[in-house]
Protein backbone atom coordinates (compact mmCIF):
# COMPACT_ATOMS: atom_id res chain seq x y z
CA UNK A 1 -17.17 8.84 31.52
CA UNK A 2 -17.89 4.75 33.04
CA UNK A 3 -14.52 3.56 34.08
CA UNK A 4 -16.08 0.33 33.65
CA UNK A 5 -17.45 0.60 29.84
CA UNK A 6 -16.53 -2.10 27.80
CA UNK A 7 -16.04 -1.54 23.96
CA UNK A 8 -18.83 -4.32 22.91
CA UNK A 9 -21.60 -2.31 23.55
CA UNK A 10 -22.68 -2.45 20.01
CA UNK A 11 -24.30 -5.38 19.10
CA UNK A 12 -26.37 -6.86 16.25
CA UNK A 13 -30.45 -7.20 16.52
CA UNK A 14 -31.96 -9.99 15.06
CA UNK A 15 -32.93 -7.62 11.72
CA UNK A 16 -28.93 -7.56 10.99
CA UNK A 17 -28.75 -3.99 12.06
CA UNK A 18 -25.87 -2.85 14.38
CA UNK A 19 -27.26 -0.73 18.01
CA UNK A 20 -25.29 1.05 19.58
CA UNK A 21 -26.51 2.35 23.25
CA UNK A 22 -24.42 3.88 26.33
CA UNK A 23 -20.94 4.18 24.86
CA UNK A 24 -18.78 7.46 23.95
CA UNK A 25 -18.20 9.19 20.75
CA UNK A 26 -14.24 7.69 21.16
CA UNK A 27 -15.44 4.04 22.30
CA UNK A 28 -18.02 4.10 19.06
CA UNK A 29 -15.03 4.66 16.68
CA UNK A 30 -13.06 2.29 18.46
CA UNK A 31 -15.87 -0.09 18.09
CA UNK A 32 -16.20 0.33 14.51
CA UNK A 33 -12.22 -0.27 13.47
CA UNK A 34 -12.42 -3.28 15.35
CA UNK A 35 -15.82 -4.14 13.12
CA UNK A 36 -13.86 -3.37 9.97
CA UNK A 37 -10.91 -5.66 10.88
CA UNK A 38 -8.61 -3.00 12.34
CA UNK A 39 -6.71 -4.74 15.42
CA UNK A 40 -3.46 -2.26 15.04
CA UNK A 41 -3.14 1.52 15.22
CA UNK A 42 -0.06 3.87 14.76
CA UNK A 43 0.37 7.38 15.53
CA UNK A 44 2.57 9.76 17.83
CA UNK A 45 0.45 11.03 20.76
CA UNK A 46 0.11 14.92 21.80
CA UNK A 47 -2.44 16.96 24.54
CA UNK A 48 -4.84 17.28 21.96
CA UNK A 49 -5.52 13.67 21.51
CA UNK A 50 -4.46 11.95 24.56
CA UNK A 51 -7.99 11.34 25.96
CA UNK A 52 -8.62 9.18 23.22
CA UNK A 53 -4.91 7.81 23.40
CA UNK A 54 -5.97 6.84 27.06
CA UNK A 55 -9.37 4.90 25.32
CA UNK A 56 -7.30 2.80 22.64
CA UNK A 57 -5.19 1.78 25.66
CA UNK A 58 -7.92 0.45 27.63
CA UNK A 59 -9.37 -0.97 24.01
CA UNK A 60 -8.68 -4.13 22.01
CA UNK A 61 -6.61 -1.94 19.85
CA UNK A 62 -3.15 -2.12 20.12
CA UNK A 63 -1.31 1.23 19.93
CA UNK A 64 2.23 1.23 17.93
CA UNK A 65 3.93 4.60 18.81
CA UNK A 66 6.33 6.05 15.74
CA UNK A 67 9.14 7.91 15.53
CA UNK A 68 7.41 10.46 13.34
CA UNK A 69 4.36 11.24 12.20
CA UNK A 70 5.02 10.85 7.96
CA UNK A 71 6.73 7.23 9.56
CA UNK A 72 3.20 6.46 11.01
CA UNK A 73 1.24 7.68 7.87
CA UNK A 74 3.70 5.54 6.01
CA UNK A 75 3.23 2.21 8.25
CA UNK A 76 -0.54 2.80 7.99
CA UNK A 77 -0.60 2.83 4.73
CA UNK A 78 1.30 -0.56 4.50
CA UNK A 79 -0.41 -2.07 7.08
CA UNK A 80 -3.74 -1.44 5.21
CA UNK A 81 -2.65 -3.17 2.10
CA UNK A 82 -2.35 -6.30 3.89
CA UNK A 83 -5.42 -5.65 5.85
CA UNK A 84 -7.64 -4.24 4.17
CA UNK A 85 -7.76 -1.19 6.55
CA UNK A 86 -4.85 1.06 8.40
CA UNK A 87 -5.25 4.01 11.06
CA UNK A 88 -2.87 6.46 12.22
CA UNK A 89 -3.56 8.94 15.12
CA UNK A 90 -2.47 12.15 15.80
CA UNK A 91 -2.79 15.24 17.53
CA UNK A 92 -3.72 18.79 16.31
CA UNK A 93 -1.96 20.09 13.07
CA UNK A 94 1.69 19.58 14.43
CA UNK A 95 0.97 15.76 14.33
CA UNK A 96 -1.63 15.89 11.19
CA UNK A 97 -0.05 18.21 8.88
CA UNK A 98 3.49 16.29 9.37
CA UNK A 99 1.26 13.11 8.21
CA UNK A 100 0.32 14.60 5.14
CA UNK A 101 2.50 13.61 2.99
CA UNK A 102 2.17 9.79 3.62
CA UNK A 103 -1.91 10.39 3.30
CA UNK A 104 -1.08 11.97 -0.10
CA UNK A 105 0.40 8.83 -0.92
CA UNK A 106 -2.34 6.16 0.12
CA UNK A 107 -4.67 8.56 -1.80
CA UNK A 108 -2.72 8.26 -4.64
CA UNK A 109 -2.49 4.33 -4.46
CA UNK A 110 -5.85 3.69 -3.07
CA UNK A 111 -4.60 2.32 0.38
CA UNK A 112 -7.64 2.75 3.38
CA UNK A 113 -6.24 4.50 5.89
CA UNK A 114 -8.09 6.27 8.55
CA UNK A 115 -6.44 9.35 9.98
CA UNK A 116 -7.88 10.23 13.64
CA UNK A 117 -6.73 13.98 14.96
CA UNK A 118 -7.49 14.90 18.06
CA UNK A 119 -8.18 19.00 17.97
CA UNK A 120 -9.17 21.90 20.91
CA UNK A 121 -12.03 21.47 22.77
CA UNK A 122 -15.52 23.25 21.67
CA UNK A 123 -15.44 25.15 24.51
CA UNK A 124 -11.48 26.30 24.01
CA UNK A 125 -12.31 27.72 20.71
CA UNK A 126 -15.32 30.85 22.26
CA UNK A 127 -13.22 34.02 21.63
CA UNK A 128 -10.88 32.55 18.48
CA UNK A 129 -8.20 32.77 20.93
CA UNK A 130 -4.60 32.01 20.23
CA UNK A 131 -4.37 28.00 21.12
CA UNK A 132 -0.73 26.45 20.93
CA UNK A 133 -0.82 24.26 17.25
CA UNK A 134 -3.84 26.24 15.82
CA UNK A 135 -2.88 27.58 12.03
CA UNK A 136 -5.11 30.54 10.97
CA UNK A 137 -8.22 28.95 12.03
CA UNK A 138 -9.75 26.17 13.73
CA UNK A 139 -10.49 24.68 9.96
CA UNK A 140 -7.07 24.77 8.47
CA UNK A 141 -5.89 21.40 9.53
CA UNK A 142 -9.60 19.77 8.04
CA UNK A 143 -9.31 21.63 4.70
CA UNK A 144 -5.75 20.75 4.33
CA UNK A 145 -7.10 16.84 4.13
CA UNK A 146 -9.72 17.92 2.14
CA UNK A 147 -8.12 17.20 -0.31
CA UNK A 148 -5.99 14.32 0.85
CA UNK A 149 -9.23 12.28 1.30
CA UNK A 150 -12.29 10.87 -0.02
CA UNK A 151 -14.57 11.44 3.18
CA UNK A 152 -13.83 12.82 6.15
CA UNK A 153 -15.29 14.79 9.71
CA UNK A 154 -15.13 17.05 12.99
CA UNK A 155 -17.23 14.52 15.57
CA UNK A 156 -19.00 18.25 17.08
CA UNK A 157 -22.07 17.58 16.92
CA UNK A 158 -22.95 13.99 19.75
CA UNK A 159 -26.61 14.00 17.99
CA UNK A 160 -24.87 13.05 14.19
CA UNK A 161 -21.45 11.95 15.78
CA UNK A 162 -22.21 8.44 15.18
CA UNK A 163 -24.15 8.71 11.81
CA UNK A 164 -20.68 10.78 10.80
CA UNK A 165 -18.30 7.71 11.59
CA UNK A 166 -20.12 4.80 10.07
CA UNK A 167 -20.45 6.91 6.49
CA UNK A 168 -16.60 7.91 6.74
CA UNK A 169 -15.69 4.58 7.64
CA UNK A 170 -18.41 2.91 5.11
CA UNK A 171 -16.35 5.30 2.30
CA UNK A 172 -13.28 4.49 3.05
CA UNK A 173 -13.69 1.01 2.78
CA UNK A 174 -15.84 1.28 -0.04
CA UNK A 175 -13.64 3.29 -2.24
CA UNK A 176 -10.14 2.03 -0.87
CA UNK A 177 -8.68 5.83 0.46
CA UNK A 178 -8.38 7.74 3.06
CA UNK A 179 -10.57 9.69 5.16
CA UNK A 180 -10.45 12.05 8.32
CA UNK A 181 -11.67 12.41 11.70
CA UNK A 182 -11.06 15.11 13.91
CA UNK A 183 -12.44 14.51 17.04
CA UNK A 184 -12.21 17.62 19.82
CA UNK A 185 -10.99 16.74 23.24
CA UNK A 186 -13.75 17.55 25.78
CA UNK A 187 -16.23 15.34 22.71
CA UNK A 188 -14.19 12.11 23.23
CA UNK A 189 -15.82 11.33 26.62
CA UNK A 190 -19.26 12.32 25.45
CA UNK A 191 -22.45 9.51 25.75
CA UNK A 192 -24.49 10.69 23.14
CA UNK A 193 -28.42 10.56 24.59
CA UNK A 194 -30.38 9.33 21.68
CA UNK A 195 -30.31 5.70 19.95
CA UNK A 196 -28.22 5.24 16.91
CA UNK A 197 -28.46 1.65 14.88
CA UNK A 198 -26.34 1.18 11.85
CA UNK A 199 -26.58 -1.12 9.06
CA UNK A 200 -23.10 -2.70 6.75
CA UNK A 201 -23.85 -0.98 3.09
CA UNK A 202 -23.75 -3.65 0.87
CA UNK A 203 -23.10 -1.99 -2.63
CA UNK A 204 -24.08 -3.67 -5.85
CA UNK A 205 -24.14 -3.52 -9.78
CA UNK A 206 -26.58 -2.58 -12.24
CA UNK A 207 -27.66 -5.71 -12.82
CA UNK A 208 -28.77 -5.06 -16.63
CA UNK A 209 -25.39 -2.94 -16.89
CA UNK A 210 -23.40 -5.89 -15.69
CA UNK A 211 -25.03 -8.05 -18.01
CA UNK A 212 -24.72 -5.68 -21.31
CA UNK A 213 -21.08 -4.94 -20.24
CA UNK A 214 -19.79 -8.16 -19.80
CA UNK A 215 -21.76 -9.64 -23.35
CA UNK A 216 -19.95 -7.29 -25.28
CA UNK A 217 -16.64 -8.13 -23.36
CA UNK A 218 -17.12 -11.78 -24.09
CA UNK A 219 -17.88 -11.23 -27.50
CA UNK A 220 -14.55 -9.35 -27.62
CA UNK A 221 -12.48 -11.37 -26.12
CA UNK A 222 -13.98 -14.87 -27.88
CA UNK A 223 -13.39 -13.47 -31.25
CA UNK A 224 -9.64 -12.44 -30.50
CA UNK A 225 -6.72 -13.74 -31.37
CA UNK A 226 -4.21 -12.32 -29.66
CA UNK A 227 -5.73 -11.54 -26.37
CA UNK A 228 -4.01 -10.39 -23.24
CA UNK A 229 -4.83 -9.15 -19.64
CA UNK A 230 -3.23 -5.92 -18.48
CA UNK A 231 -3.85 -6.36 -13.61
CA UNK A 232 -3.01 -3.57 -12.17
CA UNK A 233 -3.75 -2.67 -8.57
CA UNK A 234 -6.81 -2.51 -8.10
CA UNK A 235 -7.23 -6.08 -8.34
CA UNK A 236 -5.00 -5.93 -4.87
CA UNK A 237 -7.11 -3.49 -3.37
CA UNK A 238 -10.05 -5.54 -3.37
CA UNK A 239 -8.94 -8.92 -2.90
CA UNK A 240 -9.57 -9.95 -6.60
CA UNK A 241 -6.90 -11.92 -7.07
CA UNK A 242 -8.43 -15.75 -7.25
CA UNK A 243 -11.32 -14.12 -9.52
CA UNK A 244 -8.80 -12.76 -12.21
CA UNK A 245 -6.94 -16.25 -11.75
CA UNK A 246 -9.97 -17.84 -12.71
CA UNK A 247 -10.96 -15.97 -15.51
CA UNK A 248 -7.54 -15.96 -17.10
CA UNK A 249 -7.21 -19.76 -16.35
CA UNK A 250 -10.49 -20.75 -17.63
CA UNK A 251 -9.95 -18.47 -21.42
CA UNK A 252 -6.20 -19.22 -20.86
CA UNK A 253 -5.28 -15.03 -21.92
CA UNK A 254 -2.04 -14.43 -20.70
CA UNK A 255 -1.79 -11.80 -18.04
CA UNK A 256 1.06 -8.80 -17.74
CA UNK A 257 0.92 -6.69 -14.62
CA UNK A 258 1.46 -2.96 -14.47
CA UNK A 259 4.43 -1.85 -12.05
CA UNK A 260 1.67 -0.88 -9.20
CA UNK A 261 0.19 -4.32 -9.71
CA UNK A 262 3.19 -6.34 -9.15
CA UNK A 263 2.83 -9.84 -7.53
CA UNK A 264 -1.46 -10.21 -8.28
CA UNK A 265 -0.20 -13.54 -9.47
CA UNK A 266 2.81 -14.97 -8.85
CA UNK A 267 5.60 -14.55 -11.00
CA UNK A 268 6.08 -18.70 -11.81
CA UNK A 269 2.47 -18.95 -13.43
CA UNK A 270 2.12 -20.24 -16.70
CA UNK A 271 0.27 -17.52 -17.96
CA UNK A 272 2.34 -14.72 -16.65
CA UNK A 273 4.61 -12.69 -19.33
CA UNK A 274 6.00 -10.17 -16.75
CA UNK A 275 5.57 -6.30 -16.22
CA UNK A 276 4.12 -4.07 -18.90
CA UNK A 277 5.93 -0.90 -18.88
CA UNK A 278 5.62 0.87 -22.00
CA UNK A 279 9.01 1.23 -23.79
CA UNK A 280 10.50 1.74 -20.92
CA UNK A 281 9.92 -2.15 -19.89
CA UNK A 282 11.24 -5.52 -21.75
CA UNK A 283 10.89 -5.64 -25.28
CA UNK A 284 9.14 -8.29 -25.53
CA UNK A 285 6.83 -8.35 -23.47
CA UNK A 286 6.01 -4.22 -24.61
CA UNK A 287 5.80 -6.34 -27.96
CA UNK A 288 3.38 -8.88 -26.81
CA UNK A 289 1.07 -6.55 -25.55
CA UNK A 290 1.31 -3.79 -27.88
CA UNK A 291 0.44 -6.93 -30.68
CA UNK A 292 -2.71 -8.08 -28.67
CA UNK A 293 -5.89 -7.47 -30.77
CA UNK A 294 -8.31 -7.28 -27.35
CA UNK A 295 -6.59 -5.70 -24.30
CA UNK A 296 -8.45 -6.31 -21.27
CA UNK A 297 -7.22 -3.81 -18.42
CA UNK A 298 -7.96 -4.59 -15.25
CA UNK A 299 -7.83 -2.69 -11.91
CA UNK A 300 -5.59 -0.22 -13.73
CA UNK A 301 -4.17 3.00 -13.21
CA UNK A 302 -3.10 4.99 -16.23
CA UNK A 303 -0.17 6.58 -14.78
CA UNK A 304 2.88 8.05 -15.98
CA UNK A 305 5.27 5.04 -14.32
CA UNK A 306 2.63 2.65 -15.17
CA UNK A 307 2.66 3.67 -18.93
CA UNK A 308 6.57 3.55 -19.24
CA UNK A 309 6.28 7.75 -19.14
CA UNK A 310 3.24 7.95 -21.56
CA UNK A 311 5.08 5.39 -23.84
CA UNK A 312 2.47 2.72 -23.91
CA UNK A 313 0.90 2.06 -27.13
CA UNK A 314 -2.61 0.85 -26.40
CA UNK A 315 -5.60 1.65 -29.05
CA UNK A 316 -8.50 2.19 -26.92
CA UNK A 317 -10.76 0.48 -30.08
CA UNK A 318 -8.95 -3.13 -28.69
CA UNK A 319 -9.19 -2.33 -25.12
CA UNK A 320 -11.75 -2.63 -22.37
CA UNK A 321 -11.25 -1.09 -19.75
CA UNK A 322 -12.46 -1.78 -16.23
CA UNK A 323 -11.44 -0.29 -12.58
CA UNK A 324 -13.78 0.43 -9.28
CA UNK A 325 -14.79 4.47 -11.21
CA UNK A 326 -15.14 3.34 -15.16
CA UNK A 327 -15.88 0.61 -17.04
CA UNK A 328 -15.07 1.00 -20.83
CA UNK A 329 -15.48 -1.14 -23.59
CA UNK A 330 -13.74 0.24 -26.68
CA UNK A 331 -15.78 3.82 -26.74
CA UNK A 332 -18.58 2.89 -24.94
CA UNK A 333 -19.03 3.69 -20.94
CA UNK A 334 -21.45 1.59 -19.05
CA UNK A 335 -22.26 3.04 -15.24
CA UNK A 336 -23.17 1.23 -12.44
CA UNK A 337 -21.03 -1.82 -12.80
CA UNK A 338 -18.53 -2.77 -10.01
CA UNK A 339 -15.26 -3.96 -10.96
CA UNK A 340 -15.96 -7.51 -9.00
CA UNK A 341 -19.06 -8.31 -10.77
CA UNK A 342 -17.67 -7.14 -14.24
CA UNK A 343 -14.90 -9.97 -13.83
CA UNK A 344 -17.41 -12.22 -12.36
CA UNK A 345 -19.71 -12.21 -15.33
CA UNK A 346 -17.15 -12.58 -17.33
CA UNK A 347 -15.99 -14.97 -15.99
CA UNK A 348 -19.67 -17.12 -16.05
CA UNK A 349 -19.95 -16.57 -19.85
CA UNK A 350 -16.92 -18.67 -20.94
CA UNK A 351 -15.29 -16.65 -23.33
CA UNK A 352 -12.34 -18.98 -25.48
CA UNK A 353 -10.60 -16.79 -27.55
CA UNK A 354 -7.95 -18.42 -30.13
CA UNK A 355 -5.25 -19.91 -27.42
CA UNK A 356 -2.26 -17.83 -27.22
CA UNK A 357 1.40 -19.00 -27.37
CA UNK A 358 3.59 -17.36 -24.88
CA UNK A 359 7.27 -17.27 -26.44
CA UNK A 360 9.83 -18.94 -24.31
CA UNK A 361 11.35 -15.10 -23.26
CA UNK A 362 8.25 -14.47 -21.29
CA UNK A 363 8.18 -17.20 -19.70
CA UNK A 364 9.58 -18.02 -16.09
CA UNK A 365 12.86 -20.01 -16.27
CA UNK A 366 14.63 -20.28 -12.73
CA UNK A 367 17.23 -17.69 -12.72
CA UNK A 368 21.33 -19.13 -13.93
CA UNK A 369 22.85 -16.99 -11.50
CA UNK A 370 26.57 -18.30 -10.55
CA UNK A 371 27.90 -16.73 -7.39
CA UNK A 372 31.43 -14.91 -8.22
CA UNK A 373 32.72 -15.07 -4.26
CA UNK A 374 35.23 -12.50 -4.86
CA UNK A 375 33.62 -10.22 -7.58
CA UNK A 376 32.66 -6.35 -6.52
CA UNK A 377 28.73 -6.56 -5.92
CA UNK A 378 26.56 -5.06 -8.14
CA UNK A 379 23.07 -3.89 -8.04
CA UNK A 380 22.22 -6.91 -10.80
CA UNK A 381 24.32 -9.68 -9.11
CA UNK A 382 22.23 -8.47 -5.65
CA UNK A 383 18.96 -9.30 -7.23
CA UNK A 384 19.61 -12.14 -9.12
CA UNK A 385 21.13 -13.43 -5.24
CA UNK A 386 18.14 -12.39 -3.13
CA UNK A 387 15.82 -14.19 -6.26
CA UNK A 388 17.03 -17.82 -5.18
CA UNK A 389 16.48 -17.00 -1.53
CA UNK A 390 12.50 -15.42 -1.44
CA UNK A 391 9.79 -18.28 -0.77
CA UNK A 392 6.19 -18.17 -0.65
CA UNK A 393 5.89 -15.81 2.64
CA UNK A 394 8.08 -13.08 1.54
CA UNK A 395 7.04 -9.64 1.62
CA UNK A 396 9.33 -7.25 -0.79
CA UNK A 397 9.09 -3.67 0.08
CA UNK A 398 10.99 -1.10 -2.05
CA UNK A 399 11.61 2.18 -1.68
CA UNK A 400 11.76 4.89 -4.42
CA UNK A 401 14.53 5.00 -7.10
CA UNK A 402 16.91 2.50 -8.42
CA UNK A 403 15.56 0.33 -5.52
CA UNK A 404 12.21 -0.08 -6.90
CA UNK A 405 13.75 -0.59 -10.53
CA UNK A 406 16.30 -3.58 -9.24
CA UNK A 407 13.15 -4.58 -7.19
CA UNK A 408 10.74 -5.64 -10.09
CA UNK A 409 13.14 -8.39 -11.29
CA UNK A 410 12.47 -10.24 -8.06
CA UNK A 411 10.22 -13.06 -8.69
CA UNK A 412 7.14 -13.25 -6.41
CA UNK A 413 5.40 -16.38 -5.60
CA UNK A 414 2.53 -17.52 -4.37
CA UNK A 415 0.85 -14.74 -2.74
CA UNK A 416 4.43 -13.26 -2.17
CA UNK A 417 3.42 -9.64 -1.67
CA UNK A 418 5.27 -6.43 -3.39
CA UNK A 419 4.65 -3.20 -2.13
CA UNK A 420 6.07 0.44 -3.29
CA UNK A 421 5.01 3.38 -3.70
CA UNK A 422 5.01 3.07 -7.54
CA UNK A 423 2.81 5.76 -8.71
CA UNK A 424 3.13 8.87 -5.85
CA UNK A 425 7.35 7.61 -5.73
CA UNK A 426 7.82 9.20 -2.25
CA UNK A 427 10.97 8.59 -1.02
CA UNK A 428 11.49 7.18 2.49
CA UNK A 429 8.33 5.17 2.68
CA UNK A 430 10.07 1.33 2.95
CA UNK A 431 11.42 1.32 6.23
CA UNK A 432 8.31 2.47 8.18
CA UNK A 433 6.51 0.47 5.92
CA UNK A 434 8.27 -2.87 6.81
CA UNK A 435 6.77 -1.80 10.47
CA UNK A 436 3.27 -1.69 9.06
CA UNK A 437 3.48 -4.96 6.71
CA UNK A 438 5.59 -6.78 10.10
CA UNK A 439 2.86 -5.90 12.10
CA UNK A 440 -0.09 -6.54 9.46
CA UNK A 441 1.65 -10.08 8.83
CA UNK A 442 4.08 -10.73 12.06
CA UNK A 443 4.79 -14.50 10.49
CA UNK A 444 6.12 -13.39 7.37
CA UNK A 445 9.55 -12.70 6.72
CA UNK A 446 9.92 -8.76 5.27
CA UNK A 447 13.12 -7.54 2.90
CA UNK A 448 13.40 -4.06 2.08
CA UNK A 449 15.63 -2.51 -0.39
CA UNK A 450 16.23 0.61 0.25
CA UNK A 451 18.77 3.71 -1.02
CA UNK A 452 20.67 5.27 0.98
CA UNK A 453 19.59 8.72 0.39
CA UNK A 454 16.02 7.60 0.52
CA UNK A 455 16.78 5.29 4.30
CA UNK A 456 18.45 8.68 5.71
CA UNK A 457 14.68 10.25 5.23
CA UNK A 458 12.93 7.90 7.76
CA UNK A 459 15.64 4.93 8.83
CA UNK A 460 14.91 5.97 12.65
CA UNK A 461 11.85 3.74 12.28
CA UNK A 462 14.58 0.75 13.04
CA UNK A 463 13.96 2.04 17.00
CA UNK A 464 10.00 1.14 16.63
CA UNK A 465 11.30 -2.20 15.08
CA UNK A 466 13.53 -3.06 17.47
CA UNK A 467 11.05 -2.15 20.27
CA UNK A 468 8.95 -5.41 19.51
CA UNK A 469 11.28 -7.57 18.16
CA UNK A 470 10.47 -7.72 14.76
CA UNK A 471 12.90 -9.10 11.86
CA UNK A 472 12.92 -7.76 8.95
CA UNK A 473 15.65 -7.47 6.19
CA UNK A 474 16.96 -4.52 5.40
CA UNK A 475 18.89 -3.73 2.16
CA UNK A 476 20.71 -0.26 2.24
CA UNK A 477 22.15 0.63 -1.04
CA UNK A 478 24.87 2.56 0.14
CA UNK A 479 26.00 4.73 -3.49
CA UNK A 480 26.93 7.63 -1.84
CA UNK A 481 23.68 9.66 -2.90
CA UNK A 482 20.60 9.74 -5.15
CA UNK A 483 21.74 7.80 -8.31
CA UNK A 484 18.40 7.90 -10.07
CA UNK A 485 18.91 11.38 -9.79
CA UNK A 486 22.17 11.06 -10.90
CA UNK A 487 20.80 9.86 -14.15
CA UNK A 488 18.13 12.11 -14.57
CA UNK A 489 20.51 14.91 -14.44
CA UNK A 490 23.87 13.79 -15.77
CA UNK A 491 26.78 15.63 -14.15
CA UNK A 492 28.65 16.09 -11.27
CA UNK A 493 25.99 18.06 -9.27
CA UNK A 494 26.91 18.59 -4.99
CA UNK A 495 23.17 18.52 -4.71
CA UNK A 496 22.79 14.86 -5.21
CA UNK A 497 25.21 13.63 -2.30
CA UNK A 498 24.69 12.83 0.81
CA UNK A 499 26.87 12.59 3.98
CA UNK A 500 27.90 9.02 4.32
CA UNK A 501 26.93 6.32 7.47
CA UNK A 502 28.23 3.51 9.25
CA UNK A 503 24.22 2.11 8.75
CA UNK A 504 25.44 -1.29 9.66
CA UNK A 505 26.24 0.19 12.94
CA UNK A 506 22.65 1.18 13.53
CA UNK A 507 21.71 -2.07 15.26
CA UNK A 508 23.98 -1.00 18.00
CA UNK A 509 22.57 2.66 18.24
CA UNK A 510 18.74 1.22 18.43
CA UNK A 511 19.55 -1.66 20.66
CA UNK A 512 18.91 -4.44 18.64
CA UNK A 513 20.00 -6.65 15.38
CA UNK A 514 22.51 -7.55 13.77
CA UNK A 515 24.45 -4.82 11.06
CA UNK A 516 26.23 -6.09 8.34
CA UNK A 517 28.42 -4.71 5.71
CA UNK A 518 29.23 -5.94 2.33
CA UNK A 519 31.09 -5.24 -0.70
CA UNK A 520 31.93 -8.73 -2.75
CA UNK A 521 29.39 -10.99 -4.29
CA UNK A 522 30.93 -13.79 -1.40
CA UNK A 523 29.90 -11.53 1.68
CA UNK A 524 26.44 -10.27 0.27
CA UNK A 525 25.85 -14.11 -0.12
CA UNK A 526 27.30 -14.74 3.48
CA UNK A 527 24.82 -11.88 5.56
CA UNK A 528 21.64 -12.92 3.41
CA UNK A 529 22.33 -16.49 4.57
CA UNK A 530 22.85 -15.09 8.53
CA UNK A 531 20.00 -12.75 8.34
CA UNK A 532 17.65 -15.44 6.50
CA UNK A 533 18.12 -17.48 9.42
CA UNK A 534 17.95 -15.19 12.29
CA UNK A 535 14.66 -14.93 12.65
CA UNK A 536 14.64 -13.13 16.69
CA UNK A 537 16.36 -9.83 15.55
CA UNK A 538 16.33 -6.74 12.85
CA UNK A 539 19.22 -7.83 10.45
CA UNK A 540 20.78 -4.78 8.08
CA UNK A 541 23.09 -5.36 4.76
CA UNK A 542 24.99 -2.26 3.83
CA UNK A 543 25.39 -2.98 0.06
CA UNK A 544 28.62 -0.86 -0.59
CA UNK A 545 28.12 0.05 -4.54
CA UNK A 546 29.78 1.88 -7.19
CA UNK A 547 28.68 5.37 -7.54
CA UNK A 548 27.61 5.07 -10.97
CA UNK A 549 26.30 1.63 -10.19
CA UNK A 550 22.42 0.55 -11.74
CA UNK A 551 20.37 -1.62 -12.62
């Protein structure tokens, strides 16, 4: 390898195509990741990927070393949700198989993460030796990720390696789902001796199908007396918040969000009515949505939690269901129509349904919270106090369990981000996700709400947060075990108990930040004020709760 090779050998020609010459497979992969806006990459090195790690360290991409592979995956997932693309780099099998759960969640919730794994060199595989980290055969890891990714490749052939990189990265960005790239360690520095050019593939809709679908939707919407929009997670993933808002404001249609779509619109907006969660949600929101005569579902996943464990009552004959994967208007199906194009074409037709009155019970009203300094802290009062503190630059990350259900009461302002694995529901997501979110948006204040059980799974990623000098606020709900499971299976069960930790002492262990222990509303108020003004280091607030306290 030329030690003086740069990462800018791929360049754009006059015809709009990009050409690459004289660079290695590893360099080309790095260049293409940068082309898609990747600035940071998460992972843990290992011997099968060390040469690629060395190449990364000399590149403009910053490598963020994590404490565990699954944590690196969660961090890359959160980074991707904000940045538009994330990446994790691990070694063969012991690293790759450890990151599977994180990537499964990214697939389930449409987060575009690139998984890069080193593997034994092709020359090492002759006679099928029993190499370390190998499981069964050399295809095992690749076969596993085939189920977890939208596309994948092994860069074993220099003739097609560049083309394969282009194909897989394009699929990641196009479908907003993880992809897998395996690179044998003796291929990292190989320079293909053939020319290569690539051109970004621009997706387009079928004009006739789009026009017909938008016309049918506009006719239904214009005739509606009680219309409503349900906005889902794909509005986030495809960056369609402004397009959604333009449609809603122009037609004056109220907007509800799904649990996965929370924060898709600022929740102080006069058209916003709250989260729709079927019978599990607020009765007023459920009634408003299910009494609608035209329901426009945009980018919405029909998952069990999104639909209140399938208690939603939405008549397909009244629904317009548009996602990146399908478009159904009542019982008519349209193909070849992009979600973005459908929303914009529908907006251009300017449908004007009957303006629907939003009940005062659904309109945003500032919380009426009065601090009772000596009262024991409860989840409800903690959320009410935290609501007063949130601002336009806050990123809220909620872990699974009552952390998530409580956090749904937080009000997003402007483009406040709300991040949670609300469909896949993998506990332990939030702390490493805080690392990814903080790196993606360094100037934002990240607030984590995490149960003690979930925190014990991945809380060691605070070490990486401290190492890089970030200042998130980590709120640990200390109720001595798995609170949600206590509700799901009532009774005194030892399996729901966990060993108590002195969580507030962990900043001392990791060598940075401040820990607080609070038991009353006044103590929480004081800790939150101190943590909010400290932008120099991480703050951890241990909130001691009664075992049976729940939102």
